[in-house]
Amino acid sequence: MLRGDLDADYTRAVIGRSKRDYVWIMAREPRMADEVYQEIIGRLDGLGYDVSRIEKVPQRW
């Protein structure tokens, strides 16, 4: 089962499994403001995800 969080203007989405073993943070743009990213990480931490295992994937366009 997947859980999702979609930004109001559809610029960002967070999809995670209810087992909290996988999570994807996606955005329309290749870069995301650090404060926005940290806010998402904070919410994921509060939901029980092991945020120390989250890896950023470099986006090259």
PDB file of N, CA and C in Angstrom:
ATOM      1  N   MET A   1       0.845  -1.180   0.000  1.00  0.00           N
ATOM      2  CA  MET A   1       0.000   0.000   0.000  1.00  0.00           C
ATOM      3  C   MET A   1       0.885   1.236   0.000  1.00  0.00           C
ATOM      4  N   LEU A   2       0.560   2.194  -0.812  1.00  0.00           N
ATOM      5  CA  LEU A   2       1.315   3.435  -0.891  1.00  0.00           C
ATOM      6  C   LEU A   2       0.527   4.573  -0.273  1.00  0.00           C
ATOM      7  N   ARG A   3       1.272   5.494   0.341  1.00  0.00           N
ATOM      8  CA  ARG A   3       0.681   6.718   0.857  1.00  0.00           C
ATOM      9  C   ARG A   3       1.243   7.862   0.047  1.00  0.00           C
ATOM     10  N   GLY A   4       0.484   8.924  -0.094  1.00  0.00           N
ATOM     11  CA  GLY A   4       0.963  10.022  -0.897  1.00  0.00           C
ATOM     12  C   GLY A   4       0.651  11.374  -0.294  1.00  0.00           C
ATOM     13  N   ASP A   5       1.480  12.319  -0.663  1.00  0.00           N
ATOM     14  CA  ASP A   5       1.298  13.703  -0.260  1.00  0.00           C
ATOM     15  C   ASP A   5       1.619  14.534  -1.494  1.00  0.00           C
ATOM     16  N   LEU A   6       0.648  15.290  -1.974  1.00  0.00           N
ATOM     17  CA  LEU A   6       0.801  16.064  -3.197  1.00  0.00           C
ATOM     18  C   LEU A   6       0.700  17.538  -2.861  1.00  0.00           C
ATOM     19  N   ASP A   7       1.673  18.324  -3.349  1.00  0.00           N
ATOM     20  CA  ASP A   7       1.653  19.764  -3.128  1.00  0.00           C
ATOM     21  C   ASP A   7       0.432  20.378  -3.814  1.00  0.00           C
ATOM     22  N   ALA A   8      -0.095  21.445  -3.250  1.00  0.00           N
ATOM     23  CA  ALA A   8      -1.319  22.072  -3.773  1.00  0.00           C
ATOM     24  C   ALA A   8      -1.185  22.503  -5.231  1.00  0.00           C
ATOM     25  N   ASP A   9       0.008  22.938  -5.638  1.00  0.00           N
ATOM     26  CA  ASP A   9       0.186  23.370  -7.029  1.00  0.00           C
ATOM     27  C   ASP A   9       0.863  22.293  -7.892  1.00  0.00           C
ATOM     28  N   TYR A  10       0.887  21.076  -7.392  1.00  0.00           N
ATOM     29  CA  TYR A  10       1.408  19.923  -8.133  1.00  0.00           C
ATOM     30  C   TYR A  10       2.885  20.037  -8.504  1.00  0.00           C
ATOM     31  N   THR A  11       3.669  20.771  -7.724  1.00  0.00           N
ATOM     32  CA  THR A  11       5.098  20.884  -8.020  1.00  0.00           C
ATOM     33  C   THR A  11       5.921  19.826  -7.299  1.00  0.00           C
ATOM     34  N   ARG A  12       5.352  19.243  -6.243  1.00  0.00           N
ATOM     35  CA  ARG A  12       6.068  18.224  -5.481  1.00  0.00           C
ATOM     36  C   ARG A  12       5.110  17.120  -5.058  1.00  0.00           C
ATOM     37  N   ALA A  13       5.662  15.907  -4.945  1.00  0.00           N
ATOM     38  CA  ALA A  13       4.876  14.776  -4.448  1.00  0.00           C
ATOM     39  C   ALA A  13       5.786  13.902  -3.589  1.00  0.00           C
ATOM     40  N   VAL A  14       5.204  13.324  -2.573  1.00  0.00           N
ATOM     41  CA  VAL A  14       5.924  12.383  -1.713  1.00  0.00           C
ATOM     42  C   VAL A  14       5.085  11.112  -1.675  1.00  0.00           C
ATOM     43  N   ILE A  15       5.699  10.008  -2.059  1.00  0.00           N
ATOM     44  CA  ILE A  15       5.019   8.721  -2.088  1.00  0.00           C
ATOM     45  C   ILE A  15       5.817   7.759  -1.222  1.00  0.00           C
ATOM     46  N   GLY A  16       5.135   7.073  -0.322  1.00  0.00           N
ATOM     47  CA  GLY A  16       5.824   6.124   0.542  1.00  0.00           C
ATOM     48  C   GLY A  16       4.974   4.905   0.815  1.00  0.00           C
ATOM     49  N   ARG A  17       5.642   3.816   1.106  1.00  0.00           N
ATOM     50  CA  ARG A  17       4.932   2.590   1.470  1.00  0.00           C
ATOM     51  C   ARG A  17       4.507   2.657   2.928  1.00  0.00           C
ATOM     52  N   SER A  18       3.373   2.064   3.239  1.00  0.00           N
ATOM     53  CA  SER A  18       2.881   2.074   4.616  1.00  0.00           C
ATOM     54  C   SER A  18       3.794   1.285   5.551  1.00  0.00           C
ATOM     55  N   LYS A  19       4.624   0.399   5.006  1.00  0.00           N
ATOM     56  CA  LYS A  19       5.617  -0.308   5.827  1.00  0.00           C
ATOM     57  C   LYS A  19       6.759   0.625   6.229  1.00  0.00           C
ATOM     58  N   ARG A  20       6.803   1.799   5.619  1.00  0.00           N
ATOM     59  CA  ARG A  20       7.819   2.823   5.870  1.00  0.00           C
ATOM     60  C   ARG A  20       9.236   2.353   5.513  1.00  0.00           C
ATOM     61  N   ASP A  21       9.320   1.470   4.509  1.00  0.00           N
ATOM     62  CA  ASP A  21      10.637   1.004   4.065  1.00  0.00           C
ATOM     63  C   ASP A  21      11.088   1.656   2.759  1.00  0.00           C
ATOM     64  N   TYR A  22      10.186   2.310   2.053  1.00  0.00           N
ATOM     65  CA  TYR A  22      10.529   3.032   0.828  1.00  0.00           C
ATOM     66  C   TYR A  22       9.751   4.341   0.796  1.00  0.00           C
ATOM     67  N   VAL A  23      10.413   5.387   0.293  1.00  0.00           N
ATOM     68  CA  VAL A  23       9.739   6.671   0.103  1.00  0.00           C
ATOM     69  C   VAL A  23      10.402   7.387  -1.065  1.00  0.00           C
ATOM     70  N   TRP A  24       9.598   8.078  -1.863  1.00  0.00           N
ATOM     71  CA  TRP A  24      10.096   8.840  -3.002  1.00  0.00           C
ATOM     72  C   TRP A  24       9.657  10.284  -2.843  1.00  0.00           C
ATOM     73  N   ILE A  25      10.593  11.192  -3.002  1.00  0.00           N
ATOM     74  CA  ILE A  25      10.304  12.624  -3.000  1.00  0.00           C
ATOM     75  C   ILE A  25      10.533  13.094  -4.429  1.00  0.00           C
ATOM     76  N   MET A  26       9.491  13.585  -5.072  1.00  0.00           N
ATOM     77  CA  MET A  26       9.589  13.963  -6.476  1.00  0.00           C
ATOM     78  C   MET A  26       9.186  15.421  -6.661  1.00  0.00           C
ATOM     79  N   ALA A  27       9.791  16.056  -7.660  1.00  0.00           N
ATOM     80  CA  ALA A  27       9.481  17.454  -7.952  1.00  0.00           C
ATOM     81  C   ALA A  27       9.525  17.676  -9.456  1.00  0.00           C
ATOM     82  N   ARG A  28       8.811  18.685  -9.903  1.00  0.00           N
ATOM     83  CA  ARG A  28       8.818  19.017 -11.329  1.00  0.00           C
ATOM     84  C   ARG A  28      10.154  19.610 -11.773  1.00  0.00           C
ATOM     85  N   GLU A  29      10.780  20.343 -10.889  1.00  0.00           N
ATOM     86  CA  GLU A  29      12.059  20.985 -11.199  1.00  0.00           C
ATOM     87  C   GLU A  29      13.211  20.117 -10.679  1.00  0.00           C
ATOM     88  N   PRO A  30      14.379  20.183 -11.320  1.00  0.00           N
ATOM     89  CA  PRO A  30      15.502  19.349 -10.875  1.00  0.00           C
ATOM     90  C   PRO A  30      16.099  19.775  -9.531  1.00  0.00           C
ATOM     91  N   ARG A  31      15.789  20.961  -9.059  1.00  0.00           N
ATOM     92  CA  ARG A  31      16.296  21.427  -7.764  1.00  0.00           C
ATOM     93  C   ARG A  31      15.114  21.814  -6.873  1.00  0.00           C
ATOM     94  N   MET A  32      15.318  21.557  -5.577  1.00  0.00           N
ATOM     95  CA  MET A  32      14.298  21.890  -4.593  1.00  0.00           C
ATOM     96  C   MET A  32      14.968  22.738  -3.515  1.00  0.00           C
ATOM     97  N   ALA A  33      14.297  23.783  -3.079  1.00  0.00           N
ATOM     98  CA  ALA A  33      14.843  24.630  -2.012  1.00  0.00           C
ATOM     99  C   ALA A  33      15.123  23.772  -0.778  1.00  0.00           C
ATOM    100  N   ASP A  34      16.267  24.006  -0.146  1.00  0.00           N
ATOM    101  CA  ASP A  34      16.669  23.201   0.994  1.00  0.00           C
ATOM    102  C   ASP A  34      15.643  23.253   2.123  1.00  0.00           C
ATOM    103  N   GLU A  35      15.041  24.433   2.358  1.00  0.00           N
ATOM    104  CA  GLU A  35      14.058  24.529   3.441  1.00  0.00           C
ATOM    105  C   GLU A  35      12.817  23.686   3.150  1.00  0.00           C
ATOM    106  N   VAL A  36      12.438  23.575   1.876  1.00  0.00           N
ATOM    107  CA  VAL A  36      11.301  22.735   1.489  1.00  0.00           C
ATOM    108  C   VAL A  36      11.666  21.265   1.698  1.00  0.00           C
ATOM    109  N   TYR A  37      12.868  20.897   1.257  1.00  0.00           N
ATOM    110  CA  TYR A  37      13.333  19.514   1.427  1.00  0.00           C
ATOM    111  C   TYR A  37      13.385  19.138   2.903  1.00  0.00           C
ATOM    112  N   GLN A  38      13.928  20.024   3.736  1.00  0.00           N
ATOM    113  CA  GLN A  38      14.028  19.747   5.171  1.00  0.00           C
ATOM    114  C   GLN A  38      12.641  19.632   5.814  1.00  0.00           C
ATOM    115  N   GLU A  39      11.681  20.411   5.349  1.00  0.00           N
ATOM    116  CA  GLU A  39      10.312  20.313   5.852  1.00  0.00           C
ATOM    117  C   GLU A  39       9.726  18.935   5.540  1.00  0.00           C
ATOM    118  N   ILE A  40       9.955  18.471   4.309  1.00  0.00           N
ATOM    119  CA  ILE A  40       9.475  17.144   3.902  1.00  0.00           C
ATOM    120  C   ILE A  40      10.143  16.070   4.748  1.00  0.00           C
ATOM    121  N   ILE A  41      11.451  16.171   4.931  1.00  0.00           N
ATOM    122  CA  ILE A  41      12.192  15.197   5.733  1.00  0.00           C
ATOM    123  C   ILE A  41      11.657  15.189   7.167  1.00  0.00           C
ATOM    124  N   GLY A  42      11.373  16.351   7.718  1.00  0.00           N
ATOM    125  CA  GLY A  42      10.815  16.437   9.064  1.00  0.00           C
ATOM    126  C   GLY A  42       9.469  15.740   9.181  1.00  0.00           C
ATOM    127  N   ARG A  43       8.619  15.932   8.166  1.00  0.00           N
ATOM    128  CA  ARG A  43       7.314  15.257   8.174  1.00  0.00           C
ATOM    129  C   ARG A  43       7.476  13.749   8.077  1.00  0.00           C
ATOM    130  N   LEU A  44       8.408  13.301   7.212  1.00  0.00           N
ATOM    131  CA  LEU A  44       8.649  11.864   7.077  1.00  0.00           C
ATOM    132  C   LEU A  44       9.187  11.269   8.376  1.00  0.00           C
ATOM    133  N   ASP A  45      10.074  12.000   9.032  1.00  0.00           N
ATOM    134  CA  ASP A  45      10.612  11.551  10.316  1.00  0.00           C
ATOM    135  C   ASP A  45       9.474  11.399  11.329  1.00  0.00           C
ATOM    136  N   GLY A  46       8.572  12.352  11.360  1.00  0.00           N
ATOM    137  CA  GLY A  46       7.429  12.301  12.258  1.00  0.00           C
ATOM    138  C   GLY A  46       6.475  11.156  11.962  1.00  0.00           C
ATOM    139  N   LEU A  47       6.487  10.681  10.705  1.00  0.00           N
ATOM    140  CA  LEU A  47       5.633   9.558  10.315  1.00  0.00           C
ATOM    141  C   LEU A  47       6.299   8.209  10.551  1.00  0.00           C
ATOM    142  N   GLY A  48       7.561   8.238  11.018  1.00  0.00           N
ATOM    143  CA  GLY A  48       8.236   6.987  11.342  1.00  0.00           C
ATOM    144  C   GLY A  48       9.187   6.444  10.291  1.00  0.00           C
ATOM    145  N   TYR A  49       9.464   7.215   9.243  1.00  0.00           N
ATOM    146  CA  TYR A  49      10.437   6.779   8.249  1.00  0.00           C
ATOM    147  C   TYR A  49      11.847   6.975   8.793  1.00  0.00           C
ATOM    148  N   ASP A  50      12.766   6.089   8.437  1.00  0.00           N
ATOM    149  CA  ASP A  50      14.164   6.235   8.830  1.00  0.00           C
ATOM    150  C   ASP A  50      14.811   7.208   7.840  1.00  0.00           C
ATOM    151  N   VAL A  51      14.768   8.486   8.175  1.00  0.00           N
ATOM    152  CA  VAL A  51      15.243   9.511   7.242  1.00  0.00           C
ATOM    153  C   VAL A  51      16.755   9.469   7.043  1.00  0.00           C
ATOM    154  N   SER A  52      17.472   8.780   7.897  1.00  0.00           N
ATOM    155  CA  SER A  52      18.924   8.661   7.711  1.00  0.00           C
ATOM    156  C   SER A  52      19.253   7.813   6.487  1.00  0.00           C
ATOM    157  N   ARG A  53      18.291   7.059   6.009  1.00  0.00           N
ATOM    158  CA  ARG A  53      18.517   6.192   4.845  1.00  0.00           C
ATOM    159  C   ARG A  53      18.093   6.834   3.530  1.00  0.00           C
ATOM    160  N   ILE A  54      17.494   8.021   3.593  1.00  0.00           N
ATOM    161  CA  ILE A  54      17.053   8.704   2.373  1.00  0.00           C
ATOM    162  C   ILE A  54      18.266   9.266   1.655  1.00  0.00           C
ATOM    163  N   GLU A  55      18.348   8.999   0.357  1.00  0.00           N
ATOM    164  CA  GLU A  55      19.461   9.464  -0.463  1.00  0.00           C
ATOM    165  C   GLU A  55      18.932  10.391  -1.554  1.00  0.00           C
ATOM    166  N   LYS A  56      19.632  11.503  -1.755  1.00  0.00           N
ATOM    167  CA  LYS A  56      19.302  12.386  -2.871  1.00  0.00           C
ATOM    168  C   LYS A  56      19.963  11.828  -4.130  1.00  0.00           C
ATOM    169  N   VAL A  57      19.209  11.831  -5.207  1.00  0.00           N
ATOM    170  CA  VAL A  57      19.734  11.399  -6.494  1.00  0.00           C
ATOM    171  C   VAL A  57      19.997  12.639  -7.325  1.00  0.00           C
ATOM    172  N   PRO A  58      21.239  12.837  -7.772  1.00  0.00           N
ATOM    173  CA  PRO A  58      21.540  14.034  -8.587  1.00  0.00           C
ATOM    174  C   PRO A  58      20.688  14.042  -9.863  1.00  0.00           C
ATOM    175  N   GLN A  59      20.129  15.186 -10.153  1.00  0.00           N
ATOM    176  CA  GLN A  59      19.312  15.339 -11.342  1.00  0.00           C
ATOM    177  C   GLN A  59      20.112  16.120 -12.388  1.00  0.00           C
ATOM    178  N   ARG A  60      20.390  15.482 -13.481  1.00  0.00           N
ATOM    179  CA  ARG A  60      21.148  16.121 -14.562  1.00  0.00           C
ATOM    180  C   ARG A  60      20.247  16.211 -15.790  1.00  0.00           C
ATOM    181  N   TRP A  61      20.015  17.405 -16.250  1.00  0.00           N
ATOM    182  CA  TRP A  61      19.131  17.626 -17.407  1.00  0.00           C
ATOM    183  C   TRP A  61      19.935  18.073 -18.584  1.00  0.00           C
TER     184      TRP A  61
END
